[in-house]
C-alpha cells in the first residue's frame, strides 16, 4: 500500500481519500440543497430593485424606514396577499407586494 507524509506523520492514501471525497461531495451538492444565499421574502437585502439578492419571485424593495427587504414581485394587486399592495419600487420598473401602511 502506498504511503504519503502529511503534516509530519505518515498516513495511508486510503485514510486520506474518504475525507477528500466527503468534502468534494458536500461542495458539489450544496447548491442543489438550496444553499444559494438568496434572501427569503421579508429578509434584509442591500440593493433596492435588485432581483439577484432575493429568492426567485422576489425583489429587494426599499422600505419606509430606510431599510431594504425582499418582497414578492407583482404586476397587479391580485398577485399580492391581504394587507399588502402592489406598488412600484424607486429606481426601477419592478413592483412588489409591500405591507400596507397602518
N, C-alpha and C. Protein backbone atom coordinates (compact mmCIF):
# COMPACT_ATOMS: atom_id res chain seq x y z
N UNK A 1 0.84 -1.17 0.00
CA UNK A 1 0.00 0.00 0.00
C UNK A 1 0.89 1.24 0.00
N UNK A 2 0.55 2.24 -0.81
CA UNK A 2 1.31 3.47 -0.88
C UNK A 2 1.15 4.25 0.42
N UNK A 3 2.21 4.91 0.80
CA UNK A 3 2.16 5.75 1.99
C UNK A 3 2.59 7.15 1.58
N UNK A 4 2.05 8.13 2.26
CA UNK A 4 2.45 9.50 1.98
C UNK A 4 2.62 10.24 3.31
N UNK A 5 3.43 11.26 3.30
CA UNK A 5 3.65 12.01 4.52
C UNK A 5 2.71 13.22 4.52
N UNK A 6 2.05 13.41 5.65
CA UNK A 6 1.09 14.51 5.75
C UNK A 6 1.26 15.16 7.11
N UNK A 7 1.67 16.41 7.12
CA UNK A 7 1.81 17.13 8.37
C UNK A 7 2.79 16.49 9.33
N UNK A 8 3.86 15.88 8.84
CA UNK A 8 4.86 15.29 9.70
C UNK A 8 4.54 13.87 10.14
N UNK A 9 3.37 13.33 9.79
CA UNK A 9 3.03 11.97 10.16
C UNK A 9 2.76 11.17 8.90
N UNK A 10 2.91 9.88 9.03
CA UNK A 10 2.63 9.02 7.90
C UNK A 10 1.17 8.60 7.93
N UNK A 11 0.53 8.60 6.78
CA UNK A 11 -0.85 8.16 6.68
C UNK A 11 -1.00 7.41 5.37
N UNK A 12 -1.88 6.45 5.34
CA UNK A 12 -2.10 5.71 4.10
C UNK A 12 -2.97 6.54 3.18
N UNK A 13 -2.86 6.31 1.91
CA UNK A 13 -3.67 7.02 0.92
C UNK A 13 -5.16 6.74 1.16
N UNK A 14 -5.50 5.52 1.58
CA UNK A 14 -6.90 5.19 1.82
C UNK A 14 -7.51 6.04 2.91
N UNK A 15 -6.76 6.33 3.98
CA UNK A 15 -7.33 7.12 5.06
C UNK A 15 -7.52 8.57 4.66
N UNK A 16 -6.82 9.05 3.66
CA UNK A 16 -6.97 10.42 3.20
C UNK A 16 -8.09 10.58 2.18
N UNK A 17 -8.42 9.52 1.47
CA UNK A 17 -9.37 9.66 0.38
C UNK A 17 -10.82 9.78 0.85
N UNK A 18 -11.18 9.20 1.99
CA UNK A 18 -12.57 9.30 2.46
C UNK A 18 -12.93 10.74 2.80
N UNK A 19 -12.15 11.47 3.64
CA UNK A 19 -12.49 12.87 3.90
C UNK A 19 -12.46 13.73 2.64
N UNK A 20 -11.54 13.44 1.73
CA UNK A 20 -11.48 14.21 0.49
C UNK A 20 -12.75 14.05 -0.32
N UNK A 21 -13.25 12.82 -0.44
CA UNK A 21 -14.48 12.57 -1.19
C UNK A 21 -15.69 13.19 -0.51
N UNK A 22 -15.70 13.14 0.83
CA UNK A 22 -16.82 13.73 1.56
C UNK A 22 -16.85 15.25 1.35
N UNK A 23 -15.69 15.88 1.40
CA UNK A 23 -15.61 17.32 1.17
C UNK A 23 -16.05 17.67 -0.24
N UNK A 24 -15.56 16.91 -1.20
CA UNK A 24 -15.94 17.14 -2.59
C UNK A 24 -17.44 17.00 -2.79
N UNK A 25 -18.03 15.99 -2.20
CA UNK A 25 -19.48 15.78 -2.33
C UNK A 25 -20.27 16.92 -1.70
N UNK A 26 -19.84 17.38 -0.54
CA UNK A 26 -20.54 18.50 0.12
C UNK A 26 -20.48 19.76 -0.73
N UNK A 27 -19.31 20.06 -1.27
CA UNK A 27 -19.15 21.25 -2.09
C UNK A 27 -19.96 21.13 -3.38
N UNK A 28 -19.96 19.96 -3.99
CA UNK A 28 -20.65 19.76 -5.26
C UNK A 28 -22.17 19.82 -5.11
N UNK A 29 -22.70 19.30 -4.01
CA UNK A 29 -24.15 19.20 -3.88
C UNK A 29 -24.79 20.28 -3.03
N UNK A 30 -24.02 21.15 -2.41
CA UNK A 30 -24.59 22.22 -1.58
C UNK A 30 -25.54 23.12 -2.36
N UNK A 31 -25.22 23.53 -3.61
CA UNK A 31 -26.18 24.38 -4.33
C UNK A 31 -27.51 23.67 -4.60
N UNK A 32 -27.49 22.36 -4.76
CA UNK A 32 -28.72 21.62 -5.01
C UNK A 32 -29.59 21.54 -3.77
N UNK A 33 -29.01 21.76 -2.61
CA UNK A 33 -29.75 21.67 -1.35
C UNK A 33 -30.35 23.00 -0.95
N UNK A 34 -30.29 23.99 -1.84
CA UNK A 34 -30.90 25.28 -1.56
C UNK A 34 -29.99 26.25 -0.83
N UNK A 35 -28.71 26.06 -0.89
CA UNK A 35 -27.78 26.95 -0.22
C UNK A 35 -27.35 28.07 -1.17
N UNK A 36 -28.29 28.80 -1.68
CA UNK A 36 -27.96 29.83 -2.65
C UNK A 36 -27.57 31.13 -1.99
N UNK A 37 -27.90 31.34 -0.73
CA UNK A 37 -27.59 32.59 -0.07
C UNK A 37 -28.59 33.68 -0.38
N UNK A 38 -29.60 33.39 -1.17
CA UNK A 38 -30.59 34.39 -1.53
C UNK A 38 -31.53 34.63 -0.35
N UNK A 39 -31.90 35.90 -0.16
CA UNK A 39 -32.78 36.26 0.94
C UNK A 39 -34.21 35.80 0.71
N UNK A 40 -34.81 35.28 1.75
CA UNK A 40 -36.23 34.91 1.70
C UNK A 40 -37.08 36.18 1.77
N UNK A 41 -38.35 36.06 1.41
CA UNK A 41 -39.27 37.20 1.48
C UNK A 41 -39.32 37.70 2.92
N UNK A 42 -39.10 39.00 3.09
CA UNK A 42 -39.09 39.62 4.40
C UNK A 42 -37.71 39.81 4.99
N UNK A 43 -36.70 39.15 4.42
CA UNK A 43 -35.34 39.29 4.92
C UNK A 43 -34.66 40.52 4.33
N UNK A 44 -33.67 41.03 5.03
CA UNK A 44 -32.94 42.22 4.60
C UNK A 44 -32.13 41.94 3.34
N UNK A 45 -31.96 42.97 2.52
CA UNK A 45 -31.14 42.91 1.31
C UNK A 45 -30.46 44.27 1.16
N UNK A 46 -29.56 44.40 0.21
CA UNK A 46 -28.77 45.63 0.10
C UNK A 46 -29.22 46.59 -0.99
N UNK A 47 -29.41 46.09 -2.20
CA UNK A 47 -29.62 46.96 -3.35
C UNK A 47 -31.08 46.97 -3.79
N UNK A 48 -31.75 48.09 -3.55
CA UNK A 48 -33.15 48.23 -3.93
C UNK A 48 -33.33 47.97 -5.43
N UNK A 49 -34.36 47.25 -5.78
CA UNK A 49 -34.75 46.91 -7.15
C UNK A 49 -33.92 45.77 -7.73
N UNK A 50 -33.04 45.16 -6.93
CA UNK A 50 -32.23 44.04 -7.41
C UNK A 50 -32.99 42.73 -7.19
N UNK A 51 -32.96 41.88 -8.19
CA UNK A 51 -33.57 40.55 -8.06
C UNK A 51 -32.51 39.50 -7.76
N UNK A 52 -31.24 39.89 -7.74
CA UNK A 52 -30.14 38.96 -7.53
C UNK A 52 -29.97 38.54 -6.08
N UNK A 53 -30.41 39.37 -5.13
CA UNK A 53 -30.18 39.10 -3.71
C UNK A 53 -31.30 38.30 -3.05
N UNK A 54 -32.42 38.16 -3.73
CA UNK A 54 -33.60 37.52 -3.14
C UNK A 54 -33.93 36.22 -3.87
N UNK A 55 -34.74 35.39 -3.23
CA UNK A 55 -35.17 34.14 -3.85
C UNK A 55 -35.94 34.43 -5.14
N UNK A 56 -36.09 33.42 -5.98
CA UNK A 56 -36.85 33.59 -7.22
C UNK A 56 -38.25 34.09 -6.90
N UNK A 57 -38.72 35.06 -7.69
CA UNK A 57 -40.05 35.60 -7.50
C UNK A 57 -40.10 36.74 -6.50
N UNK A 58 -38.93 37.19 -6.04
CA UNK A 58 -38.87 38.30 -5.08
C UNK A 58 -37.87 39.34 -5.57
N UNK A 59 -38.01 40.56 -5.03
CA UNK A 59 -37.14 41.67 -5.41
C UNK A 59 -36.80 42.48 -4.16
N UNK A 60 -35.60 43.02 -4.11
CA UNK A 60 -35.18 43.87 -3.00
C UNK A 60 -35.95 45.19 -3.09
N UNK A 61 -36.65 45.52 -2.02
CA UNK A 61 -37.56 46.68 -2.01
C UNK A 61 -37.18 47.64 -0.90
N UNK A 62 -37.12 48.94 -1.25
CA UNK A 62 -36.83 49.94 -0.23
C UNK A 62 -38.07 50.14 0.65
N UNK A 63 -37.85 50.17 1.96
CA UNK A 63 -38.94 50.32 2.93
C UNK A 63 -38.97 51.76 3.44
N UNK A 64 -40.06 52.14 4.08
CA UNK A 64 -40.23 53.49 4.60
C UNK A 64 -39.20 53.84 5.68
N UNK A 65 -38.70 52.84 6.40
CA UNK A 65 -37.75 53.11 7.49
C UNK A 65 -36.29 53.05 7.01
N UNK A 66 -36.06 53.31 5.73
CA UNK A 66 -34.72 53.33 5.13
C UNK A 66 -33.99 51.99 5.19
N UNK A 67 -34.73 50.90 5.21
CA UNK A 67 -34.14 49.58 5.09
C UNK A 67 -34.62 48.97 3.78
N UNK A 68 -33.99 47.91 3.37
CA UNK A 68 -34.40 47.17 2.18
C UNK A 68 -34.74 45.75 2.59
N UNK A 69 -35.84 45.23 2.02
CA UNK A 69 -36.28 43.86 2.32
C UNK A 69 -36.71 43.18 1.02
N UNK A 70 -36.52 41.86 0.97
CA UNK A 70 -37.01 41.08 -0.16
C UNK A 70 -38.53 41.01 -0.06
N UNK A 71 -39.21 41.35 -1.15
CA UNK A 71 -40.67 41.31 -1.23
C UNK A 71 -41.08 40.57 -2.50
N UNK A 72 -42.28 40.01 -2.50
CA UNK A 72 -42.81 39.27 -3.65
C UNK A 72 -42.99 40.20 -4.84
N UNK A 73 -42.52 39.78 -6.01
CA UNK A 73 -42.75 40.54 -7.25
C UNK A 73 -44.23 40.50 -7.60
N UNK A 74 -44.72 41.59 -8.19
CA UNK A 74 -46.12 41.62 -8.64
C UNK A 74 -46.24 42.50 -9.88
N UNK A 75 -47.32 42.29 -10.60
CA UNK A 75 -47.66 43.16 -11.73
C UNK A 75 -49.02 43.81 -11.51
N UNK A 76 -49.82 43.17 -10.63
CA UNK A 76 -51.16 43.70 -10.33
C UNK A 76 -51.52 43.35 -8.89
N UNK A 77 -52.50 44.03 -8.34
CA UNK A 77 -52.90 43.84 -6.95
C UNK A 77 -53.29 42.40 -6.63
N UNK A 78 -53.87 41.71 -7.59
CA UNK A 78 -54.31 40.32 -7.38
C UNK A 78 -53.13 39.38 -7.08
N UNK A 79 -51.90 39.80 -7.40
CA UNK A 79 -50.72 38.99 -7.13
C UNK A 79 -50.32 39.00 -5.65
N UNK A 80 -50.89 39.93 -4.89
CA UNK A 80 -50.48 40.15 -3.50
C UNK A 80 -51.47 39.57 -2.50
N UNK A 81 -50.95 39.22 -1.33
CA UNK A 81 -51.79 38.75 -0.23
C UNK A 81 -52.50 39.92 0.43
N UNK A 82 -53.45 39.60 1.29
CA UNK A 82 -54.16 40.63 2.06
C UNK A 82 -53.14 41.42 2.87
N UNK A 83 -53.43 42.66 3.12
CA UNK A 83 -52.61 43.59 3.89
C UNK A 83 -51.31 43.97 3.21
N UNK A 84 -51.21 43.71 1.89
CA UNK A 84 -50.09 44.20 1.09
C UNK A 84 -50.65 44.80 -0.19
N UNK A 85 -49.88 45.72 -0.78
CA UNK A 85 -50.30 46.38 -2.02
C UNK A 85 -49.18 46.29 -3.05
N UNK A 86 -49.55 46.12 -4.30
CA UNK A 86 -48.61 46.05 -5.41
C UNK A 86 -48.20 47.48 -5.78
N UNK A 87 -47.00 47.86 -5.36
CA UNK A 87 -46.50 49.22 -5.60
C UNK A 87 -45.15 49.17 -6.29
N UNK A 88 -44.84 50.26 -6.99
CA UNK A 88 -43.55 50.39 -7.66
C UNK A 88 -42.42 50.55 -6.65
N UNK A 89 -41.21 50.26 -7.11
CA UNK A 89 -40.02 50.39 -6.29
C UNK A 89 -39.17 51.50 -6.91
N UNK A 90 -38.75 52.45 -6.08
CA UNK A 90 -37.97 53.56 -6.62
C UNK A 90 -36.66 53.06 -7.23
N UNK A 91 -36.28 53.66 -8.35
CA UNK A 91 -35.04 53.30 -9.01
C UNK A 91 -35.18 52.24 -10.08
N UNK A 92 -36.39 51.85 -10.44
CA UNK A 92 -36.55 50.84 -11.47
C UNK A 92 -38.00 50.62 -11.85
N UNK A 93 -38.24 49.62 -12.66
CA UNK A 93 -39.59 49.37 -13.16
C UNK A 93 -40.29 48.21 -12.45
N UNK A 94 -39.61 47.54 -11.51
CA UNK A 94 -40.23 46.43 -10.78
C UNK A 94 -41.30 46.93 -9.81
N UNK A 95 -42.24 46.05 -9.51
CA UNK A 95 -43.24 46.29 -8.48
C UNK A 95 -43.18 45.13 -7.50
N UNK A 96 -43.53 45.42 -6.24
CA UNK A 96 -43.54 44.36 -5.24
C UNK A 96 -44.74 44.52 -4.32
N UNK A 97 -45.09 43.42 -3.66
CA UNK A 97 -46.18 43.41 -2.67
C UNK A 97 -45.63 43.99 -1.38
N UNK A 98 -46.00 45.21 -1.09
CA UNK A 98 -45.46 45.93 0.06
C UNK A 98 -46.53 46.01 1.16
N UNK A 99 -46.10 45.88 2.42
CA UNK A 99 -47.06 45.95 3.52
C UNK A 99 -47.83 47.27 3.51
N UNK A 100 -49.14 47.17 3.74
CA UNK A 100 -49.96 48.37 3.83
C UNK A 100 -49.54 49.20 5.04
N UNK A 101 -49.57 50.51 4.89
CA UNK A 101 -49.26 51.40 6.00
C UNK A 101 -50.42 51.42 6.97
N UNK A 102 -50.11 51.40 8.29
CA UNK A 102 -51.20 51.40 9.29
C UNK A 102 -52.01 52.68 9.28
